[in-house]
């Protein structure tokens, strides 16, 4: 599980060197696929964590005053909005070498067969 407080990813999108991303994988397309899959994992983790935290404040009564005046819930939501986006976190992890990935032998064999033809 990712500790979102300790993430060193930038909050804004920055220009990346595609050659440096491709050097960590077989090619740029594989690098983007790995980053995309990791970003999906991070997104699911963030959503589950946010849902758990907001579940504490869930009220099942129809009290409108309580819904609009829940400051703790607003602060939690603002915190998650300020976090870097999952794609930025995944890209930073990929550049730092924190992501382990492998290509299955079947896929690699299919790619080698296509190159030989």
PDB file of N, CA and C in Angstrom:
ATOM      1  N   UNK A   1       0.845  -1.182   0.000  1.00  0.00           N
ATOM      2  CA  UNK A   1       0.000   0.000   0.000  1.00  0.00           C
ATOM      3  C   UNK A   1       0.882   1.234   0.000  1.00  0.00           C
ATOM      4  N   UNK A   2       0.501   2.200  -0.773  1.00  0.00           N
ATOM      5  CA  UNK A   2       1.278   3.412  -0.941  1.00  0.00           C
ATOM      6  C   UNK A   2       0.942   4.386   0.186  1.00  0.00           C
ATOM      7  N   UNK A   3       1.991   4.970   0.799  1.00  0.00           N
ATOM      8  CA  UNK A   3       1.769   6.032   1.771  1.00  0.00           C
ATOM      9  C   UNK A   3       1.778   7.343   0.998  1.00  0.00           C
ATOM     10  N   UNK A   4       0.616   7.917   0.791  1.00  0.00           N
ATOM     11  CA  UNK A   4       0.478   9.069  -0.079  1.00  0.00           C
ATOM     12  C   UNK A   4       1.134  10.320   0.493  1.00  0.00           C
ATOM     13  N   UNK A   5       1.392  10.350   1.808  1.00  0.00           N
ATOM     14  CA  UNK A   5       2.056  11.499   2.409  1.00  0.00           C
ATOM     15  C   UNK A   5       3.525  11.555   2.027  1.00  0.00           C
ATOM     16  N   UNK A   6       4.125  10.407   1.748  1.00  0.00           N
ATOM     17  CA  UNK A   6       5.561  10.339   1.472  1.00  0.00           C
ATOM     18  C   UNK A   6       5.885  10.290  -0.014  1.00  0.00           C
ATOM     19  N   UNK A   7       4.899  10.453  -0.858  1.00  0.00           N
ATOM     20  CA  UNK A   7       5.112  10.402  -2.299  1.00  0.00           C
ATOM     21  C   UNK A   7       5.859  11.650  -2.740  1.00  0.00           C
ATOM     22  N   UNK A   8       6.892  11.452  -3.545  1.00  0.00           N
ATOM     23  CA  UNK A   8       7.693  12.582  -4.010  1.00  0.00           C
ATOM     24  C   UNK A   8       7.356  12.972  -5.452  1.00  0.00           C
ATOM     25  N   UNK A   9       6.219  12.585  -5.915  1.00  0.00           N
ATOM     26  CA  UNK A   9       5.802  12.910  -7.280  1.00  0.00           C
ATOM     27  C   UNK A   9       5.351  14.373  -7.335  1.00  0.00           C
ATOM     28  N   UNK A  10       5.589  15.034  -8.455  1.00  0.00           N
ATOM     29  CA  UNK A  10       5.142  16.425  -8.588  1.00  0.00           C
ATOM     30  C   UNK A  10       3.621  16.508  -8.705  1.00  0.00           C
ATOM     31  N   UNK A  11       3.069  17.631  -8.280  1.00  0.00           N
ATOM     32  CA  UNK A  11       1.618  17.830  -8.393  1.00  0.00           C
ATOM     33  C   UNK A  11       1.209  18.248  -9.797  1.00  0.00           C
ATOM     34  N   UNK A  12       2.145  18.795 -10.547  1.00  0.00           N
ATOM     35  CA  UNK A  12       1.854  19.238 -11.906  1.00  0.00           C
ATOM     36  C   UNK A  12       2.522  18.304 -12.900  1.00  0.00           C
ATOM     37  N   UNK A  13       1.980  18.275 -14.081  1.00  0.00           N
ATOM     38  CA  UNK A  13       2.561  17.469 -15.142  1.00  0.00           C
ATOM     39  C   UNK A  13       3.860  18.109 -15.601  1.00  0.00           C
ATOM     40  N   UNK A  14       4.899  17.283 -15.755  1.00  0.00           N
ATOM     41  CA  UNK A  14       6.169  17.779 -16.255  1.00  0.00           C
ATOM     42  C   UNK A  14       6.540  17.000 -17.508  1.00  0.00           C
ATOM     43  N   UNK A  15       7.385  17.588 -18.328  1.00  0.00           N
ATOM     44  CA  UNK A  15       7.817  16.935 -19.557  1.00  0.00           C
ATOM     45  C   UNK A  15       8.823  15.845 -19.213  1.00  0.00           C
ATOM     46  N   UNK A  16       8.609  14.663 -19.735  1.00  0.00           N
ATOM     47  CA  UNK A  16       9.503  13.528 -19.486  1.00  0.00           C
ATOM     48  C   UNK A  16      10.282  13.216 -20.756  1.00  0.00           C
ATOM     49  N   UNK A  17      11.463  12.671 -20.578  1.00  0.00           N
ATOM     50  CA  UNK A  17      12.269  12.246 -21.711  1.00  0.00           C
ATOM     51  C   UNK A  17      11.852  10.825 -22.088  1.00  0.00           C
ATOM     52  N   UNK A  18      11.272  10.626 -23.259  1.00  0.00           N
ATOM     53  CA  UNK A  18      10.817   9.286 -23.638  1.00  0.00           C
ATOM     54  C   UNK A  18      11.961   8.277 -23.720  1.00  0.00           C
ATOM     55  N   UNK A  19      13.159   8.729 -24.051  1.00  0.00           N
ATOM     56  CA  UNK A  19      14.301   7.817 -24.135  1.00  0.00           C
ATOM     57  C   UNK A  19      14.644   7.250 -22.762  1.00  0.00           C
ATOM     58  N   UNK A  20      14.520   8.065 -21.710  1.00  0.00           N
ATOM     59  CA  UNK A  20      14.825   7.551 -20.369  1.00  0.00           C
ATOM     60  C   UNK A  20      13.765   6.556 -19.906  1.00  0.00           C
ATOM     61  N   UNK A  21      12.510   6.785 -20.293  1.00  0.00           N
ATOM     62  CA  UNK A  21      11.458   5.819 -19.959  1.00  0.00           C
ATOM     63  C   UNK A  21      11.667   4.516 -20.727  1.00  0.00           C
ATOM     64  N   UNK A  22      12.016   4.620 -22.007  1.00  0.00           N
ATOM     65  CA  UNK A  22      12.211   3.435 -22.830  1.00  0.00           C
ATOM     66  C   UNK A  22      13.431   2.642 -22.391  1.00  0.00           C
ATOM     67  N   UNK A  23      14.416   3.300 -21.791  1.00  0.00           N
ATOM     68  CA  UNK A  23      15.624   2.589 -21.363  1.00  0.00           C
ATOM     69  C   UNK A  23      15.356   1.648 -20.190  1.00  0.00           C
ATOM     70  N   UNK A  24      14.310   1.898 -19.438  1.00  0.00           N
ATOM     71  CA  UNK A  24      13.975   1.042 -18.299  1.00  0.00           C
ATOM     72  C   UNK A  24      13.088  -0.134 -18.703  1.00  0.00           C
ATOM     73  N   UNK A  25      12.594  -0.114 -19.923  1.00  0.00           N
ATOM     74  CA  UNK A  25      11.775  -1.204 -20.461  1.00  0.00           C
ATOM     75  C   UNK A  25      12.313  -1.530 -21.853  1.00  0.00           C
ATOM     76  N   UNK A  26      11.699  -2.479 -22.524  1.00  0.00           N
ATOM     77  CA  UNK A  26      12.156  -2.831 -23.864  1.00  0.00           C
ATOM     78  C   UNK A  26      11.898  -1.718 -24.875  1.00  0.00           C
ATOM     79  N   UNK A  27      10.795  -1.001 -24.705  1.00  0.00           N
ATOM     80  CA  UNK A  27      10.476   0.122 -25.591  1.00  0.00           C
ATOM     81  C   UNK A  27       9.521   1.060 -24.865  1.00  0.00           C
ATOM     82  N   UNK A  28       9.225   2.171 -25.494  1.00  0.00           N
ATOM     83  CA  UNK A  28       8.385   3.197 -24.867  1.00  0.00           C
ATOM     84  C   UNK A  28       6.963   2.703 -24.642  1.00  0.00           C
ATOM     85  N   UNK A  29       6.460   1.855 -25.525  1.00  0.00           N
ATOM     86  CA  UNK A  29       5.087   1.366 -25.408  1.00  0.00           C
ATOM     87  C   UNK A  29       4.935   0.457 -24.196  1.00  0.00           C
ATOM     88  N   UNK A  30       5.939  -0.364 -23.967  1.00  0.00           N
ATOM     89  CA  UNK A  30       5.910  -1.220 -22.776  1.00  0.00           C
ATOM     90  C   UNK A  30       5.986  -0.377 -21.510  1.00  0.00           C
ATOM     91  N   UNK A  31       6.815   0.662 -21.528  1.00  0.00           N
ATOM     92  CA  UNK A  31       6.935   1.548 -20.369  1.00  0.00           C
ATOM     93  C   UNK A  31       5.598   2.222 -20.067  1.00  0.00           C
ATOM     94  N   UNK A  32       4.930   2.707 -21.103  1.00  0.00           N
ATOM     95  CA  UNK A  32       3.636   3.375 -20.915  1.00  0.00           C
ATOM     96  C   UNK A  32       2.595   2.382 -20.404  1.00  0.00           C
ATOM     97  N   UNK A  33       2.627   1.146 -20.898  1.00  0.00           N
ATOM     98  CA  UNK A  33       1.678   0.127 -20.436  1.00  0.00           C
ATOM     99  C   UNK A  33       1.905  -0.187 -18.960  1.00  0.00           C
ATOM    100  N   UNK A  34       3.157  -0.294 -18.547  1.00  0.00           N
ATOM    101  CA  UNK A  34       3.476  -0.577 -17.141  1.00  0.00           C
ATOM    102  C   UNK A  34       3.017   0.580 -16.264  1.00  0.00           C
ATOM    103  N   UNK A  35       3.311   1.799 -16.691  1.00  0.00           N
ATOM    104  CA  UNK A  35       2.902   2.981 -15.919  1.00  0.00           C
ATOM    105  C   UNK A  35       1.383   3.051 -15.828  1.00  0.00           C
ATOM    106  N   UNK A  36       0.692   2.752 -16.912  1.00  0.00           N
ATOM    107  CA  UNK A  36      -0.778   2.779 -16.913  1.00  0.00           C
ATOM    108  C   UNK A  36      -1.380   1.755 -15.971  1.00  0.00           C
ATOM    109  N   UNK A  37      -0.822   0.550 -15.963  1.00  0.00           N
ATOM    110  CA  UNK A  37      -1.346  -0.489 -15.067  1.00  0.00           C
ATOM    111  C   UNK A  37      -1.094  -0.131 -13.609  1.00  0.00           C
ATOM    112  N   UNK A  38       0.094   0.419 -13.321  1.00  0.00           N
ATOM    113  CA  UNK A  38       0.398   0.825 -11.947  1.00  0.00           C
ATOM    114  C   UNK A  38      -0.497   1.996 -11.533  1.00  0.00           C
ATOM    115  N   UNK A  39      -0.761   2.919 -12.441  1.00  0.00           N
ATOM    116  CA  UNK A  39      -1.636   4.050 -12.130  1.00  0.00           C
ATOM    117  C   UNK A  39      -3.041   3.566 -11.784  1.00  0.00           C
ATOM    118  N   UNK A  40      -3.526   2.540 -12.483  1.00  0.00           N
ATOM    119  CA  UNK A  40      -4.833   1.966 -12.151  1.00  0.00           C
ATOM    120  C   UNK A  40      -4.828   1.364 -10.757  1.00  0.00           C
ATOM    121  N   UNK A  41      -3.739   0.669 -10.389  1.00  0.00           N
ATOM    122  CA  UNK A  41      -3.642   0.095  -9.051  1.00  0.00           C
ATOM    123  C   UNK A  41      -3.658   1.190  -7.990  1.00  0.00           C
ATOM    124  N   UNK A  42      -2.887   2.248  -8.216  1.00  0.00           N
ATOM    125  CA  UNK A  42      -2.833   3.358  -7.258  1.00  0.00           C
ATOM    126  C   UNK A  42      -4.199   4.028  -7.143  1.00  0.00           C
ATOM    127  N   UNK A  43      -4.874   4.193  -8.257  1.00  0.00           N
ATOM    128  CA  UNK A  43      -6.196   4.814  -8.261  1.00  0.00           C
ATOM    129  C   UNK A  43      -7.185   4.008  -7.427  1.00  0.00           C
ATOM    130  N   UNK A  44      -7.147   2.695  -7.573  1.00  0.00           N
ATOM    131  CA  UNK A  44      -8.044   1.835  -6.792  1.00  0.00           C
ATOM    132  C   UNK A  44      -7.713   1.937  -5.303  1.00  0.00           C
ATOM    133  N   UNK A  45      -6.413   1.944  -4.963  1.00  0.00           N
ATOM    134  CA  UNK A  45      -6.013   2.080  -3.558  1.00  0.00           C
ATOM    135  C   UNK A  45      -6.492   3.396  -2.973  1.00  0.00           C
ATOM    136  N   UNK A  46      -6.316   4.487  -3.729  1.00  0.00           N
ATOM    137  CA  UNK A  46      -6.747   5.800  -3.246  1.00  0.00           C
ATOM    138  C   UNK A  46      -8.252   5.838  -3.031  1.00  0.00           C
ATOM    139  N   UNK A  47      -8.998   5.278  -3.959  1.00  0.00           N
ATOM    140  CA  UNK A  47     -10.455   5.289  -3.860  1.00  0.00           C
ATOM    141  C   UNK A  47     -10.925   4.482  -2.666  1.00  0.00           C
ATOM    142  N   UNK A  48     -10.308   3.310  -2.443  1.00  0.00           N
ATOM    143  CA  UNK A  48     -10.696   2.483  -1.302  1.00  0.00           C
ATOM    144  C   UNK A  48     -10.368   3.176   0.016  1.00  0.00           C
ATOM    145  N   UNK A  49      -9.186   3.798   0.091  1.00  0.00           N
ATOM    146  CA  UNK A  49      -8.793   4.490   1.312  1.00  0.00           C
ATOM    147  C   UNK A  49      -9.707   5.675   1.601  1.00  0.00           C
ATOM    148  N   UNK A  50     -10.027   6.441   0.569  1.00  0.00           N
ATOM    149  CA  UNK A  50     -10.927   7.577   0.737  1.00  0.00           C
ATOM    150  C   UNK A  50     -12.317   7.105   1.155  1.00  0.00           C
ATOM    151  N   UNK A  51     -12.798   6.043   0.552  1.00  0.00           N
ATOM    152  CA  UNK A  51     -14.119   5.513   0.908  1.00  0.00           C
ATOM    153  C   UNK A  51     -14.155   5.048   2.360  1.00  0.00           C
ATOM    154  N   UNK A  52     -13.072   4.395   2.809  1.00  0.00           N
ATOM    155  CA  UNK A  52     -13.016   3.955   4.218  1.00  0.00           C
ATOM    156  C   UNK A  52     -13.065   5.142   5.166  1.00  0.00           C
ATOM    157  N   UNK A  53     -12.304   6.193   4.832  1.00  0.00           N
ATOM    158  CA  UNK A  53     -12.273   7.363   5.712  1.00  0.00           C
ATOM    159  C   UNK A  53     -13.606   8.107   5.717  1.00  0.00           C
ATOM    160  N   UNK A  54     -14.238   8.214   4.559  1.00  0.00           N
ATOM    161  CA  UNK A  54     -15.512   8.922   4.490  1.00  0.00           C
ATOM    162  C   UNK A  54     -16.658   8.100   5.061  1.00  0.00           C
ATOM    163  N   UNK A  55     -16.502   6.791   5.098  1.00  0.00           N
ATOM    164  CA  UNK A  55     -17.537   5.914   5.655  1.00  0.00           C
ATOM    165  C   UNK A  55     -17.755   6.215   7.137  1.00  0.00           C
ATOM    166  N   UNK A  56     -16.710   6.667   7.829  1.00  0.00           N
ATOM    167  CA  UNK A  56     -16.837   7.015   9.248  1.00  0.00           C
ATOM    168  C   UNK A  56     -17.835   8.154   9.460  1.00  0.00           C
ATOM    169  N   UNK A  57     -17.969   9.023   8.464  1.00  0.00           N
ATOM    170  CA  UNK A  57     -18.835  10.186   8.592  1.00  0.00           C
ATOM    171  C   UNK A  57     -20.206   9.971   7.978  1.00  0.00           C
ATOM    172  N   UNK A  58     -20.433   8.791   7.452  1.00  0.00           N
ATOM    173  CA  UNK A  58     -21.708   8.529   6.785  1.00  0.00           C
ATOM    174  C   UNK A  58     -22.840   8.571   7.801  1.00  0.00           C
ATOM    175  N   UNK A  59     -23.865   9.305   7.461  1.00  0.00           N
ATOM    176  CA  UNK A  59     -25.057   9.332   8.302  1.00  0.00           C
ATOM    177  C   UNK A  59     -26.218   8.814   7.467  1.00  0.00           C
ATOM    178  N   UNK A  60     -27.004   8.011   8.081  1.00  0.00           N
ATOM    179  CA  UNK A  60     -28.115   7.406   7.361  1.00  0.00           C
ATOM    180  C   UNK A  60     -29.428   8.121   7.651  1.00  0.00           C
ATOM    181  N   UNK A  61     -29.341   9.230   8.374  1.00  0.00           N
ATOM    182  CA  UNK A  61     -30.530  10.040   8.644  1.00  0.00           C
ATOM    183  C   UNK A  61     -30.623  11.130   7.584  1.00  0.00           C
ATOM    184  N   UNK A  62     -31.798  11.636   7.394  1.00  0.00           N
ATOM    185  CA  UNK A  62     -32.016  12.687   6.398  1.00  0.00           C
ATOM    186  C   UNK A  62     -31.924  14.062   7.057  1.00  0.00           C
ATOM    187  N   UNK A  63     -30.761  14.377   7.570  1.00  0.00           N
ATOM    188  CA  UNK A  63     -30.556  15.653   8.229  1.00  0.00           C
ATOM    189  C   UNK A  63     -29.667  16.519   7.349  1.00  0.00           C
ATOM    190  N   UNK A  64     -30.243  17.516   6.692  1.00  0.00           N
ATOM    191  CA  UNK A  64     -29.506  18.346   5.752  1.00  0.00           C
ATOM    192  C   UNK A  64     -28.448  19.209   6.423  1.00  0.00           C
ATOM    193  N   UNK A  65     -28.697  19.668   7.647  1.00  0.00           N
ATOM    194  CA  UNK A  65     -27.725  20.498   8.345  1.00  0.00           C
ATOM    195  C   UNK A  65     -26.429  19.728   8.572  1.00  0.00           C
ATOM    196  N   UNK A  66     -26.535  18.483   8.936  1.00  0.00           N
ATOM    197  CA  UNK A  66     -25.364  17.666   9.222  1.00  0.00           C
ATOM    198  C   UNK A  66     -24.556  17.412   7.955  1.00  0.00           C
ATOM    199  N   UNK A  67     -25.204  17.285   6.830  1.00  0.00           N
ATOM    200  CA  UNK A  67     -24.514  17.015   5.573  1.00  0.00           C
ATOM    201  C   UNK A  67     -23.661  18.213   5.157  1.00  0.00           C
ATOM    202  N   UNK A  68     -24.195  19.407   5.294  1.00  0.00           N
ATOM    203  CA  UNK A  68     -23.478  20.587   4.827  1.00  0.00           C
ATOM    204  C   UNK A  68     -22.439  21.097   5.817  1.00  0.00           C
ATOM    205  N   UNK A  69     -22.492  20.708   7.069  1.00  0.00           N
ATOM    206  CA  UNK A  69     -21.603  21.269   8.076  1.00  0.00           C
ATOM    207  C   UNK A  69     -20.535  20.298   8.552  1.00  0.00           C
ATOM    208  N   UNK A  70     -20.267  19.252   7.825  1.00  0.00           N
ATOM    209  CA  UNK A  70     -19.280  18.286   8.249  1.00  0.00           C
ATOM    210  C   UNK A  70     -17.896  18.707   7.757  1.00  0.00           C
ATOM    211  N   UNK A  71     -17.179  19.468   8.572  1.00  0.00           N
ATOM    212  CA  UNK A  71     -15.879  20.031   8.199  1.00  0.00           C
ATOM    213  C   UNK A  71     -14.810  18.951   8.039  1.00  0.00           C
ATOM    214  N   UNK A  72     -14.829  17.921   8.876  1.00  0.00           N
ATOM    215  CA  UNK A  72     -13.817  16.868   8.793  1.00  0.00           C
ATOM    216  C   UNK A  72     -13.878  16.162   7.441  1.00  0.00           C
ATOM    217  N   UNK A  73     -15.083  15.896   6.990  1.00  0.00           N
ATOM    218  CA  UNK A  73     -15.272  15.239   5.706  1.00  0.00           C
ATOM    219  C   UNK A  73     -14.768  16.127   4.568  1.00  0.00           C
ATOM    220  N   UNK A  74     -15.000  17.413   4.664  1.00  0.00           N
ATOM    221  CA  UNK A  74     -14.533  18.356   3.648  1.00  0.00           C
ATOM    222  C   UNK A  74     -13.009  18.403   3.632  1.00  0.00           C
ATOM    223  N   UNK A  75     -12.386  18.409   4.802  1.00  0.00           N
ATOM    224  CA  UNK A  75     -10.926  18.450   4.879  1.00  0.00           C
ATOM    225  C   UNK A  75     -10.297  17.184   4.302  1.00  0.00           C
ATOM    226  N   UNK A  76     -10.893  16.034   4.556  1.00  0.00           N
ATOM    227  CA  UNK A  76     -10.382  14.783   3.990  1.00  0.00           C
ATOM    228  C   UNK A  76     -10.480  14.818   2.475  1.00  0.00           C
ATOM    229  N   UNK A  77     -11.593  15.280   1.957  1.00  0.00           N
ATOM    230  CA  UNK A  77     -11.766  15.361   0.511  1.00  0.00           C
ATOM    231  C   UNK A  77     -10.766  16.329  -0.116  1.00  0.00           C
ATOM    232  N   UNK A  78     -10.529  17.473   0.518  1.00  0.00           N
ATOM    233  CA  UNK A  78      -9.572  18.439  -0.001  1.00  0.00           C
ATOM    234  C   UNK A  78      -8.157  17.864   0.008  1.00  0.00           C
ATOM    235  N   UNK A  79      -7.825  17.090   1.039  1.00  0.00           N
ATOM    236  CA  UNK A  79      -6.503  16.464   1.111  1.00  0.00           C
ATOM    237  C   UNK A  79      -6.280  15.547  -0.094  1.00  0.00           C
ATOM    238  N   UNK A  80      -7.263  14.725  -0.410  1.00  0.00           N
ATOM    239  CA  UNK A  80      -7.122  13.796  -1.531  1.00  0.00           C
ATOM    240  C   UNK A  80      -7.128  14.521  -2.875  1.00  0.00           C
ATOM    241  N   UNK A  81      -7.785  15.658  -2.957  1.00  0.00           N
ATOM    242  CA  UNK A  81      -7.764  16.436  -4.191  1.00  0.00           C
ATOM    243  C   UNK A  81      -6.395  17.056  -4.432  1.00  0.00           C
ATOM    244  N   UNK A  82      -5.666  17.383  -3.348  1.00  0.00           N
ATOM    245  CA  UNK A  82      -4.353  18.003  -3.474  1.00  0.00           C
ATOM    246  C   UNK A  82      -3.236  17.006  -3.778  1.00  0.00           C
ATOM    247  N   UNK A  83      -3.499  15.737  -3.597  1.00  0.00           N
ATOM    248  CA  UNK A  83      -2.474  14.724  -3.868  1.00  0.00           C
ATOM    249  C   UNK A  83      -2.149  14.669  -5.356  1.00  0.00           C
ATOM    250  N   UNK A  84      -0.915  14.240  -5.703  1.00  0.00           N
ATOM    251  CA  UNK A  84      -0.608  14.050  -7.126  1.00  0.00           C
ATOM    252  C   UNK A  84      -1.519  12.992  -7.730  1.00  0.00           C
ATOM    253  N   UNK A  85      -1.798  13.118  -8.985  1.00  0.00           N
ATOM    254  CA  UNK A  85      -2.650  12.156  -9.684  1.00  0.00           C
ATOM    255  C   UNK A  85      -1.948  10.807  -9.765  1.00  0.00           C
ATOM    256  N   UNK A  86      -2.712   9.721  -9.841  1.00  0.00           N
ATOM    257  CA  UNK A  86      -2.115   8.379  -9.879  1.00  0.00           C
ATOM    258  C   UNK A  86      -1.108   8.178 -11.007  1.00  0.00           C
ATOM    259  N   UNK A  87      -1.332   8.793 -12.152  1.00  0.00           N
ATOM    260  CA  UNK A  87      -0.390   8.642 -13.271  1.00  0.00           C
ATOM    261  C   UNK A  87       0.950   9.284 -12.922  1.00  0.00           C
ATOM    262  N   UNK A  88       0.921  10.424 -12.247  1.00  0.00           N
ATOM    263  CA  UNK A  88       2.170  11.088 -11.866  1.00  0.00           C
ATOM    264  C   UNK A  88       2.925  10.270 -10.823  1.00  0.00           C
ATOM    265  N   UNK A  89       2.192   9.675  -9.894  1.00  0.00           N
ATOM    266  CA  UNK A  89       2.829   8.826  -8.883  1.00  0.00           C
ATOM    267  C   UNK A  89       3.451   7.600  -9.550  1.00  0.00           C
ATOM    268  N   UNK A  90       2.715   6.975 -10.456  1.00  0.00           N
ATOM    269  CA  UNK A  90       3.206   5.775 -11.140  1.00  0.00           C
ATOM    270  C   UNK A  90       4.423   6.099 -12.002  1.00  0.00           C
ATOM    271  N   UNK A  91       4.412   7.232 -12.671  1.00  0.00           N
ATOM    272  CA  UNK A  91       5.554   7.619 -13.497  1.00  0.00           C
ATOM    273  C   UNK A  91       6.787   7.852 -12.643  1.00  0.00           C
ATOM    274  N   UNK A  92       6.607   8.494 -11.499  1.00  0.00           N
ATOM    275  CA  UNK A  92       7.734   8.722 -10.590  1.00  0.00           C
ATOM    276  C   UNK A  92       8.275   7.397 -10.066  1.00  0.00           C
ATOM    277  N   UNK A  93       7.387   6.483  -9.698  1.00  0.00           N
ATOM    278  CA  UNK A  93       7.817   5.161  -9.235  1.00  0.00           C
ATOM    279  C   UNK A  93       8.579   4.427 -10.339  1.00  0.00           C
ATOM    280  N   UNK A  94       8.117   4.540 -11.567  1.00  0.00           N
ATOM    281  CA  UNK A  94       8.783   3.879 -12.694  1.00  0.00           C
ATOM    282  C   UNK A  94      10.179   4.450 -12.901  1.00  0.00           C
ATOM    283  N   UNK A  95      10.299   5.771 -12.856  1.00  0.00           N
ATOM    284  CA  UNK A  95      11.606   6.400 -13.037  1.00  0.00           C
ATOM    285  C   UNK A  95      12.565   6.061 -11.900  1.00  0.00           C
ATOM    286  N   UNK A  96      12.034   5.931 -10.686  1.00  0.00           N
ATOM    287  CA  UNK A  96      12.880   5.602  -9.530  1.00  0.00           C
ATOM    288  C   UNK A  96      13.229   4.118  -9.462  1.00  0.00           C
ATOM    289  N   UNK A  97      12.585   3.310 -10.292  1.00  0.00           N
ATOM    290  CA  UNK A  97      12.850   1.877 -10.280  1.00  0.00           C
ATOM    291  C   UNK A  97      12.118   1.138  -9.176  1.00  0.00           C
ATOM    292  N   UNK A  98      11.045   1.717  -8.667  1.00  0.00           N
ATOM    293  CA  UNK A  98      10.276   1.098  -7.584  1.00  0.00           C
ATOM    294  C   UNK A  98       9.238   0.108  -8.088  1.00  0.00           C
ATOM    295  N   UNK A  99       9.029   0.034  -9.388  1.00  0.00           N
ATOM    296  CA  UNK A  99       8.030  -0.869  -9.955  1.00  0.00           C
ATOM    297  C   UNK A  99       8.738  -2.094 -10.501  1.00  0.00           C
ATOM    298  N   UNK A 100       8.278  -3.253 -10.083  1.00  0.00           N
ATOM    299  CA  UNK A 100       8.786  -4.507 -10.632  1.00  0.00           C
ATOM    300  C   UNK A 100       7.803  -4.979 -11.685  1.00  0.00           C
ATOM    301  N   UNK A 101       8.303  -5.265 -12.873  1.00  0.00           N
ATOM    302  CA  UNK A 101       7.440  -5.788 -13.929  1.00  0.00           C
ATOM    303  C   UNK A 101       8.235  -6.803 -14.729  1.00  0.00           C
ATOM    304  N   UNK A 102       7.503  -7.687 -15.362  1.00  0.00           N
ATOM    305  CA  UNK A 102       8.144  -8.685 -16.221  1.00  0.00           C
ATOM    306  C   UNK A 102       7.223  -8.966 -17.387  1.00  0.00           C
ATOM    307  N   UNK A 103       7.822  -9.411 -18.474  1.00  0.00           N
ATOM    308  CA  UNK A 103       7.066  -9.776 -19.659  1.00  0.00           C
ATOM    309  C   UNK A 103       6.950 -11.287 -19.653  1.00  0.00           C
ATOM    310  N   UNK A 104       5.730 -11.782 -19.779  1.00  0.00           N
ATOM    311  CA  UNK A 104       5.560 -13.230 -19.764  1.00  0.00           C
ATOM    312  C   UNK A 104       6.262 -13.841 -20.964  1.00  0.00           C
ATOM    313  N   UNK A 105       6.725 -15.073 -20.822  1.00  0.00           N
ATOM    314  CA  UNK A 105       7.497 -15.723 -21.879  1.00  0.00           C
ATOM    315  C   UNK A 105       6.654 -15.934 -23.131  1.00  0.00           C
ATOM    316  N   UNK A 106       5.340 -16.140 -22.965  1.00  0.00           N
ATOM    317  CA  UNK A 106       4.467 -16.331 -24.129  1.00  0.00           C
ATOM    318  C   UNK A 106       4.424 -15.067 -24.977  1.00  0.00           C
ATOM    319  N   UNK A 107       4.242 -13.914 -24.324  1.00  0.00           N
ATOM    320  CA  UNK A 107       4.196 -12.653 -25.051  1.00  0.00           C
ATOM    321  C   UNK A 107       5.536 -12.365 -25.713  1.00  0.00           C
ATOM    322  N   UNK A 108       6.625 -12.631 -25.004  1.00  0.00           N
ATOM    323  CA  UNK A 108       7.957 -12.372 -25.543  1.00  0.00           C
ATOM    324  C   UNK A 108       8.222 -13.300 -26.735  1.00  0.00           C
ATOM    325  N   UNK A 109       7.775 -14.551 -26.626  1.00  0.00           N
ATOM    326  CA  UNK A 109       7.942 -15.493 -27.743  1.00  0.00           C
ATOM    327  C   UNK A 109       7.151 -15.062 -28.947  1.00  0.00           C
ATOM    328  N   UNK A 110       5.963 -14.575 -28.748  1.00  0.00           N
ATOM    329  CA  UNK A 110       5.141 -14.092 -29.857  1.00  0.00           C
ATOM    330  C   UNK A 110       5.800 -12.878 -30.518  1.00  0.00           C
ATOM    331  N   UNK A 111       6.394 -12.012 -29.740  1.00  0.00           N
ATOM    332  CA  UNK A 111       7.052 -10.831 -30.285  1.00  0.00           C
ATOM    333  C   UNK A 111       8.289 -11.236 -31.086  1.00  0.00           C
ATOM    334  N   UNK A 112       9.033 -12.199 -30.592  1.00  0.00           N
ATOM    335  CA  UNK A 112      10.213 -12.661 -31.320  1.00  0.00           C
ATOM    336  C   UNK A 112       9.814 -13.330 -32.638  1.00  0.00           C
ATOM    337  N   UNK A 113       8.736 -14.107 -32.643  1.00  0.00           N
ATOM    338  CA  UNK A 113       8.263 -14.744 -33.866  1.00  0.00           C
ATOM    339  C   UNK A 113       7.828 -13.707 -34.892  1.00  0.00           C
ATOM    340  N   UNK A 114       7.207 -12.635 -34.444  1.00  0.00           N
ATOM    341  CA  UNK A 114       6.759 -11.599 -35.366  1.00  0.00           C
ATOM    342  C   UNK A 114       7.944 -10.876 -35.987  1.00  0.00           C
ATOM    343  N   UNK A 115       9.038 -10.707 -35.217  1.00  0.00           N
ATOM    344  CA  UNK A 115      10.222 -10.037 -35.744  1.00  0.00           C
ATOM    345  C   UNK A 115      10.916 -10.882 -36.800  1.00  0.00           C
ATOM    346  N   UNK A 116      10.883 -12.205 -36.653  1.00  0.00           N
ATOM    347  CA  UNK A 116      11.562 -13.089 -37.583  1.00  0.00           C
ATOM    348  C   UNK A 116      10.876 -13.139 -38.941  1.00  0.00           C
ATOM    349  N   UNK A 117       9.578 -12.902 -38.989  1.00  0.00           N
ATOM    350  CA  UNK A 117       8.828 -12.985 -40.246  1.00  0.00           C
ATOM    351  C   UNK A 117       9.081 -11.870 -41.157  1.00  0.00           C
TER     352      UNK A 117
END
